[in-house]
Full PDB file with SEQRES, HELIX, SHEET, SSBOND, CRYST1, ORIGX, SCALE, CONECT and MASTER records, all heavy atoms in Angstrom:
SEQRES   1 A   33  GLU VAL GLN CYS ARG PHE PRO ASP TRP ARG ALA GLU ARG          
SEQRES   2 A   33  ALA TYR PHE HIS ASP GLN GLY ARG GLY LEU LYS ALA GLN          
SEQRES   3 A   33  LEU ARG ALA LEU LEU GLN GLY                                  
HELIX    1 AA1 VAL A    2  ARG A    5  1                                   4    
HELIX    2 AA2 TRP A    9  LEU A   30  1                                  22    
CRYST1    1.000    1.000    1.000  90.00  90.00  90.00 P 1           1          
ORIGX1      1.000000  0.000000  0.000000        0.00000                         
ORIGX2      0.000000  1.000000  0.000000        0.00000                         
ORIGX3      0.000000  0.000000  1.000000        0.00000                         
SCALE1      1.000000  0.000000  0.000000        0.00000                         
SCALE2      0.000000  1.000000  0.000000        0.00000                         
SCALE3      0.000000  0.000000  1.000000        0.00000                         
ATOM      1  N   GLU A   1      -6.731-103.887   8.854  1.00  0.00           N  
ATOM      2  CA  GLU A   1      -5.458-104.337   9.328  1.00  0.00           C  
ATOM      3  C   GLU A   1      -4.352-103.821   8.368  1.00  0.00           C  
ATOM      4  O   GLU A   1      -3.279-103.374   8.836  1.00  0.00           O  
ATOM      5  CB  GLU A   1      -5.423-105.869   9.401  1.00  0.00           C  
ATOM      6  CG  GLU A   1      -6.233-106.429  10.564  1.00  0.00           C  
ATOM      7  CD  GLU A   1      -5.475-106.373  11.880  1.00  0.00           C  
ATOM      8  OE1 GLU A   1      -4.216-106.123  11.846  1.00  0.00           O  
ATOM      9  OE2 GLU A   1      -6.116-106.674  12.898  1.00  0.00           O  
ATOM     10  N   VAL A   2      -4.546-104.001   7.124  1.00  0.00           N  
ATOM     11  CA  VAL A   2      -3.528-103.534   6.146  1.00  0.00           C  
ATOM     12  C   VAL A   2      -3.325-102.080   6.255  1.00  0.00           C  
ATOM     13  O   VAL A   2      -2.214-101.563   6.233  1.00  0.00           O  
ATOM     14  CB  VAL A   2      -4.010-103.915   4.693  1.00  0.00           C  
ATOM     15  CG1 VAL A   2      -2.982-103.399   3.663  1.00  0.00           C  
ATOM     16  CG2 VAL A   2      -4.096-105.501   4.558  1.00  0.00           C  
ATOM     17  N   GLN A   3      -4.407-101.324   6.339  1.00  0.00           N  
ATOM     18  CA  GLN A   3      -4.305 -99.877   6.323  1.00  0.00           C  
ATOM     19  C   GLN A   3      -3.503 -99.391   7.570  1.00  0.00           C  
ATOM     20  O   GLN A   3      -2.660 -98.484   7.493  1.00  0.00           O  
ATOM     21  CB  GLN A   3      -5.673 -99.192   6.429  1.00  0.00           C  
ATOM     22  CG  GLN A   3      -5.685 -97.698   6.537  1.00  0.00           C  
ATOM     23  CD  GLN A   3      -5.235 -97.074   5.266  1.00  0.00           C  
ATOM     24  OE1 GLN A   3      -5.348 -97.545   4.168  1.00  0.00           O  
ATOM     25  NE2 GLN A   3      -4.580 -95.867   5.408  1.00  0.00           N  
ATOM     26  N   CYS A   4      -3.705-100.053   8.717  1.00  0.00           N  
ATOM     27  CA  CYS A   4      -2.997 -99.658   9.962  1.00  0.00           C  
ATOM     28  C   CYS A   4      -1.563 -99.959   9.867  1.00  0.00           C  
ATOM     29  O   CYS A   4      -0.705 -99.208  10.371  1.00  0.00           O  
ATOM     30  CB  CYS A   4      -3.660-100.448  11.100  1.00  0.00           C  
ATOM     31  SG  CYS A   4      -5.283 -99.839  11.579  1.00  0.00           S  
ATOM     32  N   ARG A   5      -1.174-101.000   9.217  1.00  0.00           N  
ATOM     33  CA  ARG A   5       0.232-101.460   9.173  1.00  0.00           C  
ATOM     34  C   ARG A   5       0.987-100.985   7.904  1.00  0.00           C  
ATOM     35  O   ARG A   5       2.228-100.853   8.008  1.00  0.00           O  
ATOM     36  CB  ARG A   5       0.298-103.013   9.170  1.00  0.00           C  
ATOM     37  CG  ARG A   5      -0.310-103.636  10.441  1.00  0.00           C  
ATOM     38  CD  ARG A   5      -0.447-105.128  10.253  1.00  0.00           C  
ATOM     39  NE  ARG A   5      -1.150-105.691  11.440  1.00  0.00           N  
ATOM     40  CZ  ARG A   5      -0.574-105.955  12.615  1.00  0.00           C  
ATOM     41  NH1 ARG A   5       0.715-105.754  12.807  1.00  0.00           N  
ATOM     42  NH2 ARG A   5      -1.277-106.453  13.569  1.00  0.00           N  
ATOM     43  N   PHE A   6       0.274-100.588   6.907  1.00  0.00           N  
ATOM     44  CA  PHE A   6       0.891-100.165   5.667  1.00  0.00           C  
ATOM     45  C   PHE A   6       0.010 -99.134   4.928  1.00  0.00           C  
ATOM     46  O   PHE A   6      -0.698 -99.499   3.963  1.00  0.00           O  
ATOM     47  CB  PHE A   6       1.189-101.353   4.730  1.00  0.00           C  
ATOM     48  CG  PHE A   6       2.277-101.156   3.743  1.00  0.00           C  
ATOM     49  CD1 PHE A   6       3.563-101.551   4.058  1.00  0.00           C  
ATOM     50  CD2 PHE A   6       2.081-100.591   2.588  1.00  0.00           C  
ATOM     51  CE1 PHE A   6       4.641-101.395   3.168  1.00  0.00           C  
ATOM     52  CE2 PHE A   6       3.072-100.376   1.595  1.00  0.00           C  
ATOM     53  CZ  PHE A   6       4.335-100.831   1.944  1.00  0.00           C  
ATOM     54  N   PRO A   7      -0.014 -97.903   5.414  1.00  0.00           N  
ATOM     55  CA  PRO A   7      -0.988 -96.886   4.939  1.00  0.00           C  
ATOM     56  C   PRO A   7      -0.946 -96.631   3.485  1.00  0.00           C  
ATOM     57  O   PRO A   7      -1.971 -96.305   2.830  1.00  0.00           O  
ATOM     58  CB  PRO A   7      -0.619 -95.653   5.734  1.00  0.00           C  
ATOM     59  CG  PRO A   7       0.060 -96.161   6.966  1.00  0.00           C  
ATOM     60  CD  PRO A   7       0.789 -97.383   6.511  1.00  0.00           C  
ATOM     61  N   ASP A   8       0.211 -96.740   2.776  1.00  0.00           N  
ATOM     62  CA  ASP A   8       0.312 -96.423   1.387  1.00  0.00           C  
ATOM     63  C   ASP A   8       0.091 -97.716   0.482  1.00  0.00           C  
ATOM     64  O   ASP A   8       0.679 -97.819  -0.591  1.00  0.00           O  
ATOM     65  CB  ASP A   8       1.598 -95.744   1.068  1.00  0.00           C  
ATOM     66  CG  ASP A   8       2.846 -96.496   1.484  1.00  0.00           C  
ATOM     67  OD1 ASP A   8       2.637 -97.458   2.204  1.00  0.00           O  
ATOM     68  OD2 ASP A   8       3.942 -96.181   1.015  1.00  0.00           O  
ATOM     69  N   TRP A   9      -0.596 -98.696   0.947  1.00  0.00           N  
ATOM     70  CA  TRP A   9      -0.766 -99.927   0.187  1.00  0.00           C  
ATOM     71  C   TRP A   9      -1.368 -99.741  -1.135  1.00  0.00           C  
ATOM     72  O   TRP A   9      -1.029-100.476  -2.080  1.00  0.00           O  
ATOM     73  CB  TRP A   9      -1.589-100.924   1.028  1.00  0.00           C  
ATOM     74  CG  TRP A   9      -2.966-100.505   1.329  1.00  0.00           C  
ATOM     75  CD1 TRP A   9      -3.430 -99.826   2.465  1.00  0.00           C  
ATOM     76  CD2 TRP A   9      -4.177-100.793   0.573  1.00  0.00           C  
ATOM     77  NE1 TRP A   9      -4.781 -99.612   2.384  1.00  0.00           N  
ATOM     78  CE2 TRP A   9      -5.255-100.185   1.255  1.00  0.00           C  
ATOM     79  CE3 TRP A   9      -4.371-101.471  -0.665  1.00  0.00           C  
ATOM     80  CZ2 TRP A   9      -6.561-100.290   0.789  1.00  0.00           C  
ATOM     81  CZ3 TRP A   9      -5.706-101.519  -1.098  1.00  0.00           C  
ATOM     82  CH2 TRP A   9      -6.708-100.958  -0.402  1.00  0.00           C  
ATOM     83  N   ARG A  10      -2.265 -98.734  -1.329  1.00  0.00           N  
ATOM     84  CA  ARG A  10      -2.899 -98.621  -2.605  1.00  0.00           C  
ATOM     85  C   ARG A  10      -1.917 -98.255  -3.690  1.00  0.00           C  
ATOM     86  O   ARG A  10      -2.059 -98.643  -4.820  1.00  0.00           O  
ATOM     87  CB  ARG A  10      -3.925 -97.487  -2.508  1.00  0.00           C  
ATOM     88  CG  ARG A  10      -5.165 -97.838  -1.696  1.00  0.00           C  
ATOM     89  CD  ARG A  10      -6.243 -96.762  -1.661  1.00  0.00           C  
ATOM     90  NE  ARG A  10      -7.436 -97.102  -0.908  1.00  0.00           N  
ATOM     91  CZ  ARG A  10      -7.508 -97.062   0.429  1.00  0.00           C  
ATOM     92  NH1 ARG A  10      -6.497 -96.617   1.201  1.00  0.00           N  
ATOM     93  NH2 ARG A  10      -8.600 -97.392   1.029  1.00  0.00           N  
ATOM     94  N   ALA A  11      -0.956 -97.402  -3.384  1.00  0.00           N  
ATOM     95  CA  ALA A  11       0.121 -97.041  -4.361  1.00  0.00           C  
ATOM     96  C   ALA A  11       0.899 -98.341  -4.847  1.00  0.00           C  
ATOM     97  O   ALA A  11       1.244 -98.469  -6.003  1.00  0.00           O  
ATOM     98  CB  ALA A  11       1.062 -96.020  -3.814  1.00  0.00           C  
ATOM     99  N   GLU A  12       1.178 -99.212  -3.883  1.00  0.00           N  
ATOM    100  CA  GLU A  12       1.910-100.381  -4.281  1.00  0.00           C  
ATOM    101  C   GLU A  12       1.046-101.436  -5.048  1.00  0.00           C  
ATOM    102  O   GLU A  12       1.543-102.097  -5.949  1.00  0.00           O  
ATOM    103  CB  GLU A  12       2.556-101.067  -2.998  1.00  0.00           C  
ATOM    104  CG  GLU A  12       3.365-100.189  -2.210  1.00  0.00           C  
ATOM    105  CD  GLU A  12       4.400 -99.373  -3.029  1.00  0.00           C  
ATOM    106  OE1 GLU A  12       4.890-100.001  -3.942  1.00  0.00           O  
ATOM    107  OE2 GLU A  12       4.625 -98.208  -2.708  1.00  0.00           O  
ATOM    108  N   ARG A  13      -0.230-101.477  -4.718  1.00  0.00           N  
ATOM    109  CA  ARG A  13      -1.114-102.295  -5.505  1.00  0.00           C  
ATOM    110  C   ARG A  13      -1.251-101.820  -6.926  1.00  0.00           C  
ATOM    111  O   ARG A  13      -1.214-102.557  -7.884  1.00  0.00           O  
ATOM    112  CB  ARG A  13      -2.503-102.349  -4.832  1.00  0.00           C  
ATOM    113  CG  ARG A  13      -3.427-103.399  -5.470  1.00  0.00           C  
ATOM    114  CD  ARG A  13      -4.722-103.545  -4.726  1.00  0.00           C  
ATOM    115  NE  ARG A  13      -5.571-102.375  -4.732  1.00  0.00           N  
ATOM    116  CZ  ARG A  13      -6.781-102.331  -4.208  1.00  0.00           C  
ATOM    117  NH1 ARG A  13      -7.325-103.404  -3.686  1.00  0.00           N  
ATOM    118  NH2 ARG A  13      -7.440-101.196  -4.237  1.00  0.00           N  
ATOM    119  N   ALA A  14      -1.265-100.463  -7.049  1.00  0.00           N  
ATOM    120  CA  ALA A  14      -1.276 -99.863  -8.424  1.00  0.00           C  
ATOM    121  C   ALA A  14       0.022-100.206  -9.134  1.00  0.00           C  
ATOM    122  O   ALA A  14      -0.002-100.425 -10.405  1.00  0.00           O  
ATOM    123  CB  ALA A  14      -1.501 -98.383  -8.319  1.00  0.00           C  
ATOM    124  N   TYR A  15       1.122-100.224  -8.457  1.00  0.00           N  
ATOM    125  CA  TYR A  15       2.419-100.517  -9.064  1.00  0.00           C  
ATOM    126  C   TYR A  15       2.368-101.968  -9.687  1.00  0.00           C  
ATOM    127  O   TYR A  15       2.825-102.177 -10.804  1.00  0.00           O  
ATOM    128  CB  TYR A  15       3.508-100.428  -8.006  1.00  0.00           C  
ATOM    129  CG  TYR A  15       4.873-100.965  -8.403  1.00  0.00           C  
ATOM    130  CD1 TYR A  15       5.750-100.243  -9.196  1.00  0.00           C  
ATOM    131  CD2 TYR A  15       5.194-102.268  -7.993  1.00  0.00           C  
ATOM    132  CE1 TYR A  15       6.926-100.838  -9.545  1.00  0.00           C  
ATOM    133  CE2 TYR A  15       6.461-102.781  -8.372  1.00  0.00           C  
ATOM    134  CZ  TYR A  15       7.351-102.060  -9.152  1.00  0.00           C  
ATOM    135  OH  TYR A  15       8.505-102.568  -9.525  1.00  0.00           O  
ATOM    136  N   PHE A  16       1.836-102.886  -8.943  1.00  0.00           N  
ATOM    137  CA  PHE A  16       1.736-104.241  -9.452  1.00  0.00           C  
ATOM    138  C   PHE A  16       0.790-104.326 -10.646  1.00  0.00           C  
ATOM    139  O   PHE A  16       0.960-105.138 -11.552  1.00  0.00           O  
ATOM    140  CB  PHE A  16       1.290-105.260  -8.354  1.00  0.00           C  
ATOM    141  CG  PHE A  16       2.411-105.567  -7.373  1.00  0.00           C  
ATOM    142  CD1 PHE A  16       2.302-105.283  -6.003  1.00  0.00           C  
ATOM    143  CD2 PHE A  16       3.533-106.187  -7.844  1.00  0.00           C  
ATOM    144  CE1 PHE A  16       3.356-105.608  -5.186  1.00  0.00           C  
ATOM    145  CE2 PHE A  16       4.606-106.532  -7.007  1.00  0.00           C  
ATOM    146  CZ  PHE A  16       4.500-106.204  -5.632  1.00  0.00           C  
ATOM    147  N   HIS A  17      -0.277-103.557 -10.616  1.00  0.00           N  
ATOM    148  CA  HIS A  17      -1.216-103.521 -11.693  1.00  0.00           C  
ATOM    149  C   HIS A  17      -0.504-103.087 -12.989  1.00  0.00           C  
ATOM    150  O   HIS A  17      -0.764-103.652 -14.039  1.00  0.00           O  
ATOM    151  CB  HIS A  17      -2.376-102.597 -11.494  1.00  0.00           C  
ATOM    152  CG  HIS A  17      -3.407-102.487 -12.556  1.00  0.00           C  
ATOM    153  ND1 HIS A  17      -4.323-103.501 -12.773  1.00  0.00           N  
ATOM    154  CD2 HIS A  17      -3.586-101.556 -13.425  1.00  0.00           C  
ATOM    155  CE1 HIS A  17      -5.034-103.137 -13.777  1.00  0.00           C  
ATOM    156  NE2 HIS A  17      -4.627-101.918 -14.226  1.00  0.00           N  
ATOM    157  N   ASP A  18       0.357-102.146 -12.854  1.00  0.00           N  
ATOM    158  CA  ASP A  18       1.119-101.626 -14.020  1.00  0.00           C  
ATOM    159  C   ASP A  18       2.283-102.440 -14.421  1.00  0.00           C  
ATOM    160  O   ASP A  18       2.667-102.661 -15.591  1.00  0.00           O  
ATOM    161  CB  ASP A  18       1.575-100.178 -13.793  1.00  0.00           C  
ATOM    162  CG  ASP A  18       0.380 -99.203 -13.707  1.00  0.00           C  
ATOM    163  OD1 ASP A  18      -0.688 -99.478 -14.328  1.00  0.00           O  
ATOM    164  OD2 ASP A  18       0.551 -98.167 -13.053  1.00  0.00           O  
ATOM    165  N   GLN A  19       3.075-102.945 -13.446  1.00  0.00           N  
ATOM    166  CA  GLN A  19       4.392-103.555 -13.627  1.00  0.00           C  
ATOM    167  C   GLN A  19       4.448-105.091 -13.428  1.00  0.00           C  
ATOM    168  O   GLN A  19       5.372-105.768 -13.804  1.00  0.00           O  
ATOM    169  CB  GLN A  19       5.421-102.892 -12.803  1.00  0.00           C  
ATOM    170  CG  GLN A  19       5.508-101.375 -12.907  1.00  0.00           C  
ATOM    171  CD  GLN A  19       6.060-100.914 -14.258  1.00  0.00           C  
ATOM    172  OE1 GLN A  19       6.827-101.615 -14.833  1.00  0.00           O  
ATOM    173  NE2 GLN A  19       5.626 -99.727 -14.661  1.00  0.00           N  
ATOM    174  N   GLY A  20       3.386-105.584 -12.772  1.00  0.00           N  
ATOM    175  CA  GLY A  20       3.460-106.960 -12.294  1.00  0.00           C  
ATOM    176  C   GLY A  20       3.707-108.041 -13.327  1.00  0.00           C  
ATOM    177  O   GLY A  20       4.545-108.869 -13.186  1.00  0.00           O  
ATOM    178  N   ARG A  21       2.974-107.959 -14.421  1.00  0.00           N  
ATOM    179  CA  ARG A  21       3.141-109.004 -15.437  1.00  0.00           C  
ATOM    180  C   ARG A  21       4.523-109.046 -16.034  1.00  0.00           C  
ATOM    181  O   ARG A  21       5.130-110.021 -16.329  1.00  0.00           O  
ATOM    182  CB  ARG A  21       2.044-108.906 -16.488  1.00  0.00           C  
ATOM    183  CG  ARG A  21       0.630-109.212 -16.044  1.00  0.00           C  
ATOM    184  CD  ARG A  21      -0.290-109.415 -17.232  1.00  0.00           C  
ATOM    185  NE  ARG A  21      -1.685-109.612 -16.752  1.00  0.00           N  
ATOM    186  CZ  ARG A  21      -2.539-108.702 -16.728  1.00  0.00           C  
ATOM    187  NH1 ARG A  21      -2.277-107.467 -17.143  1.00  0.00           N  
ATOM    188  NH2 ARG A  21      -3.792-108.940 -16.256  1.00  0.00           N  
ATOM    189  N   GLY A  22       5.038-107.814 -16.210  1.00  0.00           N  
ATOM    190  CA  GLY A  22       6.406-107.639 -16.770  1.00  0.00           C  
ATOM    191  C   GLY A  22       7.425-108.230 -15.825  1.00  0.00           C  
ATOM    192  O   GLY A  22       8.379-108.896 -16.228  1.00  0.00           O  
ATOM    193  N   LEU A  23       7.289-108.064 -14.486  1.00  0.00           N  
ATOM    194  CA  LEU A  23       8.212-108.592 -13.554  1.00  0.00           C  
ATOM    195  C   LEU A  23       8.168-110.178 -13.616  1.00  0.00           C  
ATOM    196  O   LEU A  23       9.283-110.752 -13.546  1.00  0.00           O  
ATOM    197  CB  LEU A  23       7.832-108.121 -12.179  1.00  0.00           C  
ATOM    198  CG  LEU A  23       7.976-106.609 -11.868  1.00  0.00           C  
ATOM    199  CD1 LEU A  23       7.461-106.314 -10.499  1.00  0.00           C  
ATOM    200  CD2 LEU A  23       9.483-106.226 -11.894  1.00  0.00           C  
ATOM    201  N   LYS A  24       6.981-110.716 -13.587  1.00  0.00           N  
ATOM    202  CA  LYS A  24       6.889-112.138 -13.668  1.00  0.00           C  
ATOM    203  C   LYS A  24       7.529-112.738 -14.929  1.00  0.00           C  
ATOM    204  O   LYS A  24       8.200-113.731 -14.934  1.00  0.00           O  
ATOM    205  CB  LYS A  24       5.445-112.566 -13.539  1.00  0.00           C  
ATOM    206  CG  LYS A  24       4.843-112.376 -12.146  1.00  0.00           C  
ATOM    207  CD  LYS A  24       3.358-112.686 -12.109  1.00  0.00           C  
ATOM    208  CE  LYS A  24       2.726-112.638 -10.696  1.00  0.00           C  
ATOM    209  NZ  LYS A  24       3.262-113.698  -9.843  1.00  0.00           N  
ATOM    210  N   ALA A  25       7.220-112.083 -16.038  1.00  0.00           N  
ATOM    211  CA  ALA A  25       7.777-112.565 -17.325  1.00  0.00           C  
ATOM    212  C   ALA A  25       9.261-112.414 -17.326  1.00  0.00           C  
ATOM    213  O   ALA A  25      10.015-113.262 -17.912  1.00  0.00           O  
ATOM    214  CB  ALA A  25       7.093-111.791 -18.461  1.00  0.00           C  
ATOM    215  N   GLN A  26       9.799-111.325 -16.765  1.00  0.00           N  
ATOM    216  CA  GLN A  26      11.255-111.093 -16.708  1.00  0.00           C  
ATOM    217  C   GLN A  26      11.925-112.184 -15.932  1.00  0.00           C  
ATOM    218  O   GLN A  26      13.013-112.691 -16.331  1.00  0.00           O  
ATOM    219  CB  GLN A  26      11.526-109.741 -16.137  1.00  0.00           C  
ATOM    220  CG  GLN A  26      13.017-109.264 -16.237  1.00  0.00           C  
ATOM    221  CD  GLN A  26      13.183-107.859 -15.772  1.00  0.00           C  
ATOM    222  OE1 GLN A  26      12.482-107.315 -14.891  1.00  0.00           O  
ATOM    223  NE2 GLN A  26      14.176-107.225 -16.266  1.00  0.00           N  
ATOM    224  N   LEU A  27      11.387-112.577 -14.791  1.00  0.00           N  
ATOM    225  CA  LEU A  27      11.945-113.603 -13.978  1.00  0.00           C  
ATOM    226  C   LEU A  27      11.978-114.920 -14.727  1.00  0.00           C  
ATOM    227  O   LEU A  27      12.965-115.624 -14.779  1.00  0.00           O  
ATOM    228  CB  LEU A  27      11.178-113.734 -12.645  1.00  0.00           C  
ATOM    229  CG  LEU A  27      11.717-114.912 -11.757  1.00  0.00           C  
ATOM    230  CD1 LEU A  27      13.109-114.496 -11.223  1.00  0.00           C  
ATOM    231  CD2 LEU A  27      10.773-115.260 -10.609  1.00  0.00           C  
ATOM    232  N   ARG A  28      10.869-115.245 -15.401  1.00  0.00           N  
ATOM    233  CA  ARG A  28      10.829-116.558 -16.068  1.00  0.00           C  
ATOM    234  C   ARG A  28      11.836-116.612 -17.234  1.00  0.00           C  
ATOM    235  O   ARG A  28      12.495-117.590 -17.455  1.00  0.00           O  
ATOM    236  CB  ARG A  28       9.388-116.768 -16.668  1.00  0.00           C  
ATOM    237  CG  ARG A  28       8.374-117.140 -15.654  1.00  0.00           C  
ATOM    238  CD  ARG A  28       7.035-117.460 -16.309  1.00  0.00           C  
ATOM    239  NE  ARG A  28       6.079-117.887 -15.246  1.00  0.00           N  
ATOM    240  CZ  ARG A  28       5.892-119.123 -14.847  1.00  0.00           C  
ATOM    241  NH1 ARG A  28       6.611-120.128 -15.293  1.00  0.00           N  
ATOM    242  NH2 ARG A  28       4.995-119.390 -13.903  1.00  0.00           N  
ATOM    243  N   ALA A  29      12.007-115.468 -17.873  1.00  0.00           N  
ATOM    244  CA  ALA A  29      13.057-115.391 -18.970  1.00  0.00           C  
ATOM    245  C   ALA A  29      14.437-115.614 -18.410  1.00  0.00           C  
ATOM    246  O   ALA A  29      15.284-116.325 -18.969  1.00  0.00           O  
ATOM    247  CB  ALA A  29      12.933-114.073 -19.681  1.00  0.00           C  
ATOM    248  N   LEU A  30      14.793-114.987 -17.237  1.00  0.00           N  
ATOM    249  CA  LEU A  30      16.046-115.150 -16.702  1.00  0.00           C  
ATOM    250  C   LEU A  30      16.368-116.487 -16.189  1.00  0.00           C  
ATOM    251  O   LEU A  30      17.520-116.948 -16.167  1.00  0.00           O  
ATOM    252  CB  LEU A  30      16.170-114.098 -15.514  1.00  0.00           C  
ATOM    253  CG  LEU A  30      16.393-112.633 -15.916  1.00  0.00           C  
ATOM    254  CD1 LEU A  30      16.218-111.738 -14.794  1.00  0.00           C  
ATOM    255  CD2 LEU A  30      17.689-112.428 -16.617  1.00  0.00           C  
ATOM    256  N   LEU A  31      15.312-117.211 -15.719  1.00  0.00           N  
ATOM    257  CA  LEU A  31      15.524-118.523 -15.130  1.00  0.00           C  
ATOM    258  C   LEU A  31      15.471-119.649 -16.132  1.00  0.00           C  
ATOM    259  O   LEU A  31      15.558-120.838 -15.732  1.00  0.00           O  
ATOM    260  CB  LEU A  31      14.533-118.790 -14.048  1.00  0.00           C  
ATOM    261  CG  LEU A  31      14.651-117.901 -12.761  1.00  0.00           C  
ATOM    262  CD1 LEU A  31      13.579-118.275 -11.728  1.00  0.00           C  
ATOM    263  CD2 LEU A  31      16.034-117.937 -12.196  1.00  0.00           C  
ATOM    264  N   GLN A  32      15.315-119.389 -17.411  1.00  0.00           N  
ATOM    265  CA  GLN A  32      15.328-120.428 -18.445  1.00  0.00           C  
ATOM    266  C   GLN A  32      16.678-121.141 -18.459  1.00  0.00           C  
ATOM    267  O   GLN A  32      17.654-120.420 -18.671  1.00  0.00           O  
ATOM    268  CB  GLN A  32      14.969-119.934 -19.751  1.00  0.00           C  
ATOM    269  CG  GLN A  32      13.526-119.460 -19.952  1.00  0.00           C  
ATOM    270  CD  GLN A  32      13.255-118.839 -21.305  1.00  0.00           C  
ATOM    271  OE1 GLN A  32      14.211-118.772 -22.111  1.00  0.00           O  
ATOM    272  NE2 GLN A  32      12.040-118.375 -21.473  1.00  0.00           N  
ATOM    273  N   GLY A  33      16.698-122.402 -18.138  1.00  0.00           N  
ATOM    274  CA  GLY A  33      17.976-123.089 -18.081  1.00  0.00           C  
ATOM    275  C   GLY A  33      18.310-123.787 -19.412  1.00  0.00           C  
ATOM    276  O   GLY A  33      17.394-124.084 -20.182  1.00  0.00           O  
TER     277      GLY A  33                                                      
MASTER        0    0    0    2    0    0    0    6  276    1    0    3          
END                                                                             
């Protein structure tokens, strides 16, 4: 189902593998009140 609707999903999954933790940490830092 994923392949039919989003053929380049592997590239985006790899992006999260490389950048994901940094994105989550960046959001938490910005939202510190």
